[in-house]
PDB file of all heavy atoms in Angstrom:
ATOM      1  N   ALA A   1     -38.080 174.285  12.307  1.00  0.00           N
ATOM      2  CA  ALA A   1     -37.621 173.288  11.337  1.00  0.00           C
ATOM      3  C   ALA A   1     -38.695 172.227  11.110  1.00  0.00           C
ATOM      4  O   ALA A   1     -38.951 171.816   9.970  1.00  0.00           O
ATOM      5  CB  ALA A   1     -36.331 172.634  11.816  1.00  0.00           C
ATOM      6  N   ALA A   2     -39.343 171.799  12.178  1.00  0.00           N
ATOM      7  CA  ALA A   2     -40.416 170.809  12.061  1.00  0.00           C
ATOM      8  C   ALA A   2     -41.577 171.373  11.253  1.00  0.00           C
ATOM      9  O   ALA A   2     -42.188 170.664  10.445  1.00  0.00           O
ATOM     10  CB  ALA A   2     -40.883 170.376  13.439  1.00  0.00           C
ATOM     11  N   LEU A   3     -41.873 172.650  11.434  1.00  0.00           N
ATOM     12  CA  LEU A   3     -42.933 173.298  10.665  1.00  0.00           C
ATOM     13  C   LEU A   3     -42.595 173.306   9.181  1.00  0.00           C
ATOM     14  O   LEU A   3     -43.435 172.991   8.335  1.00  0.00           O
ATOM     15  CB  LEU A   3     -43.160 174.721  11.172  1.00  0.00           C
ATOM     16  CG  LEU A   3     -44.151 175.564  10.358  1.00  0.00           C
ATOM     17  CD1 LEU A   3     -45.546 174.950  10.406  1.00  0.00           C
ATOM     18  CD2 LEU A   3     -44.168 176.994  10.878  1.00  0.00           C
ATOM     19  N   LYS A   4     -41.353 173.647   8.854  1.00  0.00           N
ATOM     20  CA  LYS A   4     -40.943 173.666   7.446  1.00  0.00           C
ATOM     21  C   LYS A   4     -41.029 172.277   6.829  1.00  0.00           C
ATOM     22  O   LYS A   4     -41.476 172.117   5.695  1.00  0.00           O
ATOM     23  CB  LYS A   4     -39.524 174.224   7.322  1.00  0.00           C
ATOM     24  CG  LYS A   4     -39.461 175.722   7.562  1.00  0.00           C
ATOM     25  CD  LYS A   4     -38.045 176.251   7.441  1.00  0.00           C
ATOM     26  CE  LYS A   4     -38.019 177.735   7.767  1.00  0.00           C
ATOM     27  NZ  LYS A   4     -36.672 178.299   7.705  1.00  0.00           N
ATOM     28  N   VAL A   5     -40.617 171.262   7.576  1.00  0.00           N
ATOM     29  CA  VAL A   5     -40.704 169.881   7.084  1.00  0.00           C
ATOM     30  C   VAL A   5     -42.169 169.504   6.852  1.00  0.00           C
ATOM     31  O   VAL A   5     -42.519 168.910   5.833  1.00  0.00           O
ATOM     32  CB  VAL A   5     -40.019 168.894   8.062  1.00  0.00           C
ATOM     33  CG1 VAL A   5     -40.349 167.453   7.718  1.00  0.00           C
ATOM     34  CG2 VAL A   5     -38.525 169.111   8.078  1.00  0.00           C
ATOM     35  N   ALA A   6     -43.021 169.870   7.787  1.00  0.00           N
ATOM     36  CA  ALA A   6     -44.453 169.566   7.659  1.00  0.00           C
ATOM     37  C   ALA A   6     -45.051 170.278   6.446  1.00  0.00           C
ATOM     38  O   ALA A   6     -45.851 169.692   5.708  1.00  0.00           O
ATOM     39  CB  ALA A   6     -45.189 169.958   8.932  1.00  0.00           C
ATOM     40  N   GLN A   7     -44.660 171.526   6.233  1.00  0.00           N
ATOM     41  CA  GLN A   7     -45.176 172.269   5.074  1.00  0.00           C
ATOM     42  C   GLN A   7     -44.715 171.624   3.766  1.00  0.00           C
ATOM     43  O   GLN A   7     -45.480 171.533   2.809  1.00  0.00           O
ATOM     44  CB  GLN A   7     -44.725 173.729   5.149  1.00  0.00           C
ATOM     45  CG  GLN A   7     -45.444 174.509   6.232  1.00  0.00           C
ATOM     46  CD  GLN A   7     -44.848 175.889   6.466  1.00  0.00           C
ATOM     47  OE1 GLN A   7     -43.655 176.124   6.247  1.00  0.00           O
ATOM     48  NE2 GLN A   7     -45.681 176.808   6.943  1.00  0.00           N
ATOM     49  N   ARG A   8     -43.465 171.168   3.717  1.00  0.00           N
ATOM     50  CA  ARG A   8     -42.961 170.486   2.520  1.00  0.00           C
ATOM     51  C   ARG A   8     -43.696 169.161   2.306  1.00  0.00           C
ATOM     52  O   ARG A   8     -44.019 168.801   1.182  1.00  0.00           O
ATOM     53  CB  ARG A   8     -41.456 170.251   2.626  1.00  0.00           C
ATOM     54  CG  ARG A   8     -40.666 171.477   2.205  1.00  0.00           C
ATOM     55  CD  ARG A   8     -39.172 171.181   2.147  1.00  0.00           C
ATOM     56  NE  ARG A   8     -38.574 172.120   3.082  1.00  0.00           N
ATOM     57  CZ  ARG A   8     -37.713 171.837   4.027  1.00  0.00           C
ATOM     58  NH1 ARG A   8     -37.275 170.619   4.178  1.00  0.00           N
ATOM     59  NH2 ARG A   8     -37.260 172.768   4.835  1.00  0.00           N
ATOM     60  N   THR A   9     -43.956 168.468   3.395  1.00  0.00           N
ATOM     61  CA  THR A   9     -44.683 167.201   3.299  1.00  0.00           C
ATOM     62  C   THR A   9     -46.090 167.424   2.756  1.00  0.00           C
ATOM     63  O   THR A   9     -46.566 166.670   1.899  1.00  0.00           O
ATOM     64  CB  THR A   9     -44.743 166.502   4.671  1.00  0.00           C
ATOM     65  OG1 THR A   9     -43.409 166.279   5.135  1.00  0.00           O
ATOM     66  CG2 THR A   9     -45.474 165.183   4.594  1.00  0.00           C
ATOM     67  N   ILE A  10     -46.748 168.462   3.220  1.00  0.00           N
ATOM     68  CA  ILE A  10     -48.080 168.804   2.718  1.00  0.00           C
ATOM     69  C   ILE A  10     -48.023 169.116   1.230  1.00  0.00           C
ATOM     70  O   ILE A  10     -48.863 168.657   0.449  1.00  0.00           O
ATOM     71  CB  ILE A  10     -48.680 169.981   3.512  1.00  0.00           C
ATOM     72  CG1 ILE A  10     -49.035 169.527   4.926  1.00  0.00           C
ATOM     73  CG2 ILE A  10     -49.909 170.553   2.810  1.00  0.00           C
ATOM     74  CD1 ILE A  10     -49.401 170.655   5.870  1.00  0.00           C
ATOM     75  N   ALA A  11     -47.028 169.868   0.820  1.00  0.00           N
ATOM     76  CA  ALA A  11     -46.882 170.198  -0.598  1.00  0.00           C
ATOM     77  C   ALA A  11     -46.648 168.938  -1.433  1.00  0.00           C
ATOM     78  O   ALA A  11     -47.200 168.794  -2.525  1.00  0.00           O
ATOM     79  CB  ALA A  11     -45.733 171.192  -0.797  1.00  0.00           C
ATOM     80  N   GLU A  12     -45.850 168.009  -0.914  1.00  0.00           N
ATOM     81  CA  GLU A  12     -45.591 166.756  -1.626  1.00  0.00           C
ATOM     82  C   GLU A  12     -46.861 165.922  -1.746  1.00  0.00           C
ATOM     83  O   GLU A  12     -47.149 165.356  -2.803  1.00  0.00           O
ATOM     84  CB  GLU A  12     -44.505 165.951  -0.910  1.00  0.00           C
ATOM     85  CG  GLU A  12     -43.116 166.538  -1.024  1.00  0.00           C
ATOM     86  CD  GLU A  12     -42.094 165.815  -0.145  1.00  0.00           C
ATOM     87  OE1 GLU A  12     -42.410 164.733   0.383  1.00  0.00           O
ATOM     88  OE2 GLU A  12     -40.985 166.344   0.009  1.00  0.00           O
ATOM     89  N   VAL A  13     -47.636 165.859  -0.674  1.00  0.00           N
ATOM     90  CA  VAL A  13     -48.883 165.101  -0.704  1.00  0.00           C
ATOM     91  C   VAL A  13     -49.861 165.739  -1.688  1.00  0.00           C
ATOM     92  O   VAL A  13     -50.526 165.036  -2.457  1.00  0.00           O
ATOM     93  CB  VAL A  13     -49.497 165.001   0.714  1.00  0.00           C
ATOM     94  CG1 VAL A  13     -50.916 164.457   0.671  1.00  0.00           C
ATOM     95  CG2 VAL A  13     -48.621 164.127   1.605  1.00  0.00           C
ATOM     96  N   ASP A  14     -49.937 167.051  -1.682  1.00  0.00           N
ATOM     97  CA  ASP A  14     -50.802 167.748  -2.632  1.00  0.00           C
ATOM     98  C   ASP A  14     -50.390 167.436  -4.072  1.00  0.00           C
ATOM     99  O   ASP A  14     -51.240 167.193  -4.932  1.00  0.00           O
ATOM    100  CB  ASP A  14     -50.772 169.263  -2.397  1.00  0.00           C
ATOM    101  CG  ASP A  14     -51.533 169.683  -1.142  1.00  0.00           C
ATOM    102  OD1 ASP A  14     -52.327 168.872  -0.623  1.00  0.00           O
ATOM    103  OD2 ASP A  14     -51.316 170.823  -0.685  1.00  0.00           O
ATOM    104  N   ALA A  15     -49.097 167.429  -4.316  1.00  0.00           N
ATOM    105  CA  ALA A  15     -48.602 167.114  -5.664  1.00  0.00           C
ATOM    106  C   ALA A  15     -48.941 165.677  -6.047  1.00  0.00           C
ATOM    107  O   ALA A  15     -49.338 165.403  -7.183  1.00  0.00           O
ATOM    108  CB  ALA A  15     -47.092 167.336  -5.735  1.00  0.00           C
ATOM    109  N   ARG A  16     -48.802 164.755  -5.090  1.00  0.00           N
ATOM    110  CA  ARG A  16     -49.150 163.355  -5.373  1.00  0.00           C
ATOM    111  C   ARG A  16     -50.643 163.205  -5.642  1.00  0.00           C
ATOM    112  O   ARG A  16     -51.053 162.381  -6.467  1.00  0.00           O
ATOM    113  CB  ARG A  16     -48.731 162.462  -4.208  1.00  0.00           C
ATOM    114  CG  ARG A  16     -47.257 162.114  -4.286  1.00  0.00           C
ATOM    115  CD  ARG A  16     -46.902 161.047  -3.262  1.00  0.00           C
ATOM    116  NE  ARG A  16     -45.919 161.669  -2.379  1.00  0.00           N
ATOM    117  CZ  ARG A  16     -45.879 161.567  -1.071  1.00  0.00           C
ATOM    118  NH1 ARG A  16     -46.756 160.831  -0.443  1.00  0.00           N
ATOM    119  NH2 ARG A  16     -44.964 162.178  -0.365  1.00  0.00           N
ATOM    120  N   MET A  17     -51.462 163.996  -4.952  1.00  0.00           N
ATOM    121  CA  MET A  17     -52.907 163.940  -5.195  1.00  0.00           C
ATOM    122  C   MET A  17     -53.252 164.437  -6.598  1.00  0.00           C
ATOM    123  O   MET A  17     -54.092 163.854  -7.275  1.00  0.00           O
ATOM    124  CB  MET A  17     -53.653 164.746  -4.128  1.00  0.00           C
ATOM    125  CG  MET A  17     -53.635 164.072  -2.770  1.00  0.00           C
ATOM    126  SD  MET A  17     -54.498 165.015  -1.498  1.00  0.00           S
ATOM    127  CE  MET A  17     -56.186 164.866  -2.051  1.00  0.00           C
ATOM    128  N   VAL A  18     -52.594 165.485  -7.034  1.00  0.00           N
ATOM    129  CA  VAL A  18     -52.813 165.989  -8.383  1.00  0.00           C
ATOM    130  C   VAL A  18     -52.413 164.920  -9.399  1.00  0.00           C
ATOM    131  O   VAL A  18     -53.138 164.652 -10.371  1.00  0.00           O
ATOM    132  CB  VAL A  18     -52.030 167.305  -8.622  1.00  0.00           C
ATOM    133  CG1 VAL A  18     -52.013 167.688 -10.083  1.00  0.00           C
ATOM    134  CG2 VAL A  18     -52.619 168.422  -7.772  1.00  0.00           C
ATOM    135  N   THR A  19     -51.270 164.275  -9.155  1.00  0.00           N
ATOM    136  CA  THR A  19     -50.811 163.216 -10.048  1.00  0.00           C
ATOM    137  C   THR A  19     -51.797 162.055 -10.053  1.00  0.00           C
ATOM    138  O   THR A  19     -52.126 161.513 -11.114  1.00  0.00           O
ATOM    139  CB  THR A  19     -49.415 162.720  -9.614  1.00  0.00           C
ATOM    140  OG1 THR A  19     -48.508 163.821  -9.660  1.00  0.00           O
ATOM    141  CG2 THR A  19     -48.912 161.614 -10.499  1.00  0.00           C
ATOM    142  N   ALA A  20     -52.288 161.673  -8.897  1.00  0.00           N
ATOM    143  CA  ALA A  20     -53.241 160.565  -8.804  1.00  0.00           C
ATOM    144  C   ALA A  20     -54.538 160.893  -9.540  1.00  0.00           C
ATOM    145  O   ALA A  20     -55.102 160.037 -10.234  1.00  0.00           O
ATOM    146  CB  ALA A  20     -53.528 160.229  -7.345  1.00  0.00           C
ATOM    147  N   ARG A  21     -54.987 162.122  -9.421  1.00  0.00           N
ATOM    148  CA  ARG A  21     -56.205 162.529 -10.152  1.00  0.00           C
ATOM    149  C   ARG A  21     -55.978 162.467 -11.659  1.00  0.00           C
ATOM    150  O   ARG A  21     -56.870 162.066 -12.416  1.00  0.00           O
ATOM    151  CB  ARG A  21     -56.636 163.931  -9.722  1.00  0.00           C
ATOM    152  CG  ARG A  21     -57.275 163.964  -8.360  1.00  0.00           C
ATOM    153  CD  ARG A  21     -57.874 165.341  -8.035  1.00  0.00           C
ATOM    154  NE  ARG A  21     -58.368 165.365  -6.680  1.00  0.00           N
ATOM    155  CZ  ARG A  21     -57.776 166.002  -5.671  1.00  0.00           C
ATOM    156  NH1 ARG A  21     -56.678 166.696  -5.877  1.00  0.00           N
ATOM    157  NH2 ARG A  21     -58.288 165.966  -4.465  1.00  0.00           N
ATOM    158  N   ALA A  22     -54.797 162.865 -12.090  1.00  0.00           N
ATOM    159  CA  ALA A  22     -54.469 162.785 -13.518  1.00  0.00           C
ATOM    160  C   ALA A  22     -54.414 161.327 -13.968  1.00  0.00           C
ATOM    161  O   ALA A  22     -54.875 160.993 -15.072  1.00  0.00           O
ATOM    162  CB  ALA A  22     -53.137 163.478 -13.794  1.00  0.00           C
ATOM    163  N   GLU A  23     -53.864 160.459 -13.124  1.00  0.00           N
ATOM    164  CA  GLU A  23     -53.812 159.032 -13.452  1.00  0.00           C
ATOM    165  C   GLU A  23     -55.219 158.447 -13.549  1.00  0.00           C
ATOM    166  O   GLU A  23     -55.493 157.630 -14.421  1.00  0.00           O
ATOM    167  CB  GLU A  23     -52.999 158.270 -12.403  1.00  0.00           C
ATOM    168  CG  GLU A  23     -51.512 158.557 -12.467  1.00  0.00           C
ATOM    169  CD  GLU A  23     -50.735 157.938 -11.316  1.00  0.00           C
ATOM    170  OE1 GLU A  23     -51.346 157.274 -10.435  1.00  0.00           O
ATOM    171  OE2 GLU A  23     -49.512 158.116 -11.278  1.00  0.00           O
ATOM    172  N   ILE A  24     -56.111 158.878 -12.674  1.00  0.00           N
ATOM    173  CA  ILE A  24     -57.495 158.406 -12.719  1.00  0.00           C
ATOM    174  C   ILE A  24     -58.157 158.858 -14.018  1.00  0.00           C
ATOM    175  O   ILE A  24     -58.859 158.085 -14.674  1.00  0.00           O
ATOM    176  CB  ILE A  24     -58.292 158.889 -11.496  1.00  0.00           C
ATOM    177  CG1 ILE A  24     -57.796 158.167 -10.241  1.00  0.00           C
ATOM    178  CG2 ILE A  24     -59.791 158.670 -11.680  1.00  0.00           C
ATOM    179  CD1 ILE A  24     -58.349 158.720  -8.943  1.00  0.00           C
ATOM    180  N   ALA A  25     -57.932 160.105 -14.389  1.00  0.00           N
ATOM    181  CA  ALA A  25     -58.516 160.615 -15.635  1.00  0.00           C
ATOM    182  C   ALA A  25     -57.984 159.845 -16.836  1.00  0.00           C
ATOM    183  O   ALA A  25     -58.745 159.482 -17.748  1.00  0.00           O
ATOM    184  CB  ALA A  25     -58.219 162.105 -15.780  1.00  0.00           C
ATOM    185  N   ALA A  26     -56.687 159.574 -16.844  1.00  0.00           N
ATOM    186  CA  ALA A  26     -56.100 158.807 -17.948  1.00  0.00           C
ATOM    187  C   ALA A  26     -56.656 157.389 -17.961  1.00  0.00           C
ATOM    188  O   ALA A  26     -56.985 156.852 -19.030  1.00  0.00           O
ATOM    189  CB  ALA A  26     -54.577 158.780 -17.827  1.00  0.00           C
ATOM    190  N   ALA A  27     -56.782 156.790 -16.794  1.00  0.00           N
ATOM    191  CA  ALA A  27     -57.318 155.432 -16.705  1.00  0.00           C
ATOM    192  C   ALA A  27     -58.781 155.392 -17.147  1.00  0.00           C
ATOM    193  O   ALA A  27     -59.208 154.443 -17.807  1.00  0.00           O
ATOM    194  CB  ALA A  27     -57.173 154.900 -15.284  1.00  0.00           C
ATOM    195  N   ALA A  28     -59.527 156.423 -16.807  1.00  0.00           N
ATOM    196  CA  ALA A  28     -60.927 156.485 -17.244  1.00  0.00           C
ATOM    197  C   ALA A  28     -61.009 156.558 -18.762  1.00  0.00           C
ATOM    198  O   ALA A  28     -61.878 155.929 -19.375  1.00  0.00           O
ATOM    199  CB  ALA A  28     -61.624 157.694 -16.608  1.00  0.00           C
ATOM    200  N   GLY A  29     -60.097 157.295 -19.366  1.00  0.00           N
ATOM    201  CA  GLY A  29     -60.041 157.356 -20.829  1.00  0.00           C
ATOM    202  C   GLY A  29     -59.707 156.007 -21.435  1.00  0.00           C
ATOM    203  O   GLY A  29     -60.284 155.607 -22.449  1.00  0.00           O
ATOM    204  N   GLN A  30     -58.788 155.285 -20.807  1.00  0.00           N
ATOM    205  CA  GLN A  30     -58.425 153.952 -21.287  1.00  0.00           C
ATOM    206  C   GLN A  30     -59.596 152.986 -21.151  1.00  0.00           C
ATOM    207  O   GLN A  30     -59.826 152.154 -22.033  1.00  0.00           O
ATOM    208  CB  GLN A  30     -57.212 153.427 -20.526  1.00  0.00           C
ATOM    209  CG  GLN A  30     -55.933 154.162 -20.866  1.00  0.00           C
ATOM    210  CD  GLN A  30     -54.769 153.769 -19.969  1.00  0.00           C
ATOM    211  OE1 GLN A  30     -54.968 153.205 -18.889  1.00  0.00           O
ATOM    212  NE2 GLN A  30     -53.567 154.076 -20.405  1.00  0.00           N
ATOM    213  N   VAL A  31     -60.341 153.113 -20.065  1.00  0.00           N
ATOM    214  CA  VAL A  31     -61.517 152.264 -19.881  1.00  0.00           C
ATOM    215  C   VAL A  31     -62.527 152.554 -20.977  1.00  0.00           C
ATOM    216  O   VAL A  31     -63.083 151.633 -21.592  1.00  0.00           O
ATOM    217  CB  VAL A  31     -62.157 152.475 -18.482  1.00  0.00           C
ATOM    218  CG1 VAL A  31     -63.538 151.841 -18.402  1.00  0.00           C
ATOM    219  CG2 VAL A  31     -61.249 151.924 -17.402  1.00  0.00           C
ATOM    220  N   GLN A  32     -62.775 153.825 -21.244  1.00  0.00           N
ATOM    221  CA  GLN A  32     -63.737 154.205 -22.273  1.00  0.00           C
ATOM    222  C   GLN A  32     -63.303 153.681 -23.642  1.00  0.00           C
ATOM    223  O   GLN A  32     -64.118 153.156 -24.399  1.00  0.00           O
ATOM    224  CB  GLN A  32     -63.900 155.733 -22.302  1.00  0.00           C
ATOM    225  CG  GLN A  32     -65.054 156.203 -23.143  1.00  0.00           C
ATOM    226  CD  GLN A  32     -66.403 155.767 -22.583  1.00  0.00           C
ATOM    227  OE1 GLN A  32     -66.545 155.522 -21.398  1.00  0.00           O
ATOM    228  NE2 GLN A  32     -67.395 155.643 -23.436  1.00  0.00           N
ATOM    229  N   GLU A  33     -62.027 153.814 -23.945  1.00  0.00           N
ATOM    230  CA  GLU A  33     -61.501 153.336 -25.226  1.00  0.00           C
ATOM    231  C   GLU A  33     -61.619 151.814 -25.322  1.00  0.00           C
ATOM    232  O   GLU A  33     -62.050 151.274 -26.350  1.00  0.00           O
ATOM    233  CB  GLU A  33     -60.037 153.756 -25.362  1.00  0.00           C
ATOM    234  CG  GLU A  33     -59.398 153.353 -26.664  1.00  0.00           C
ATOM    235  CD  GLU A  33     -57.953 153.791 -26.763  1.00  0.00           C
ATOM    236  OE1 GLU A  33     -57.501 154.605 -25.945  1.00  0.00           O
ATOM    237  OE2 GLU A  33     -57.264 153.306 -27.670  1.00  0.00           O
TER     238      GLU A  33
END
């Protein structure tokens, strides 16, 4: 059960990292504009 929770946590962190990278790209576009 702890392993499954850890795997879900890793997946959530990975998803947040993808979102953060997208936010950085959007912010970079706003800076350029």
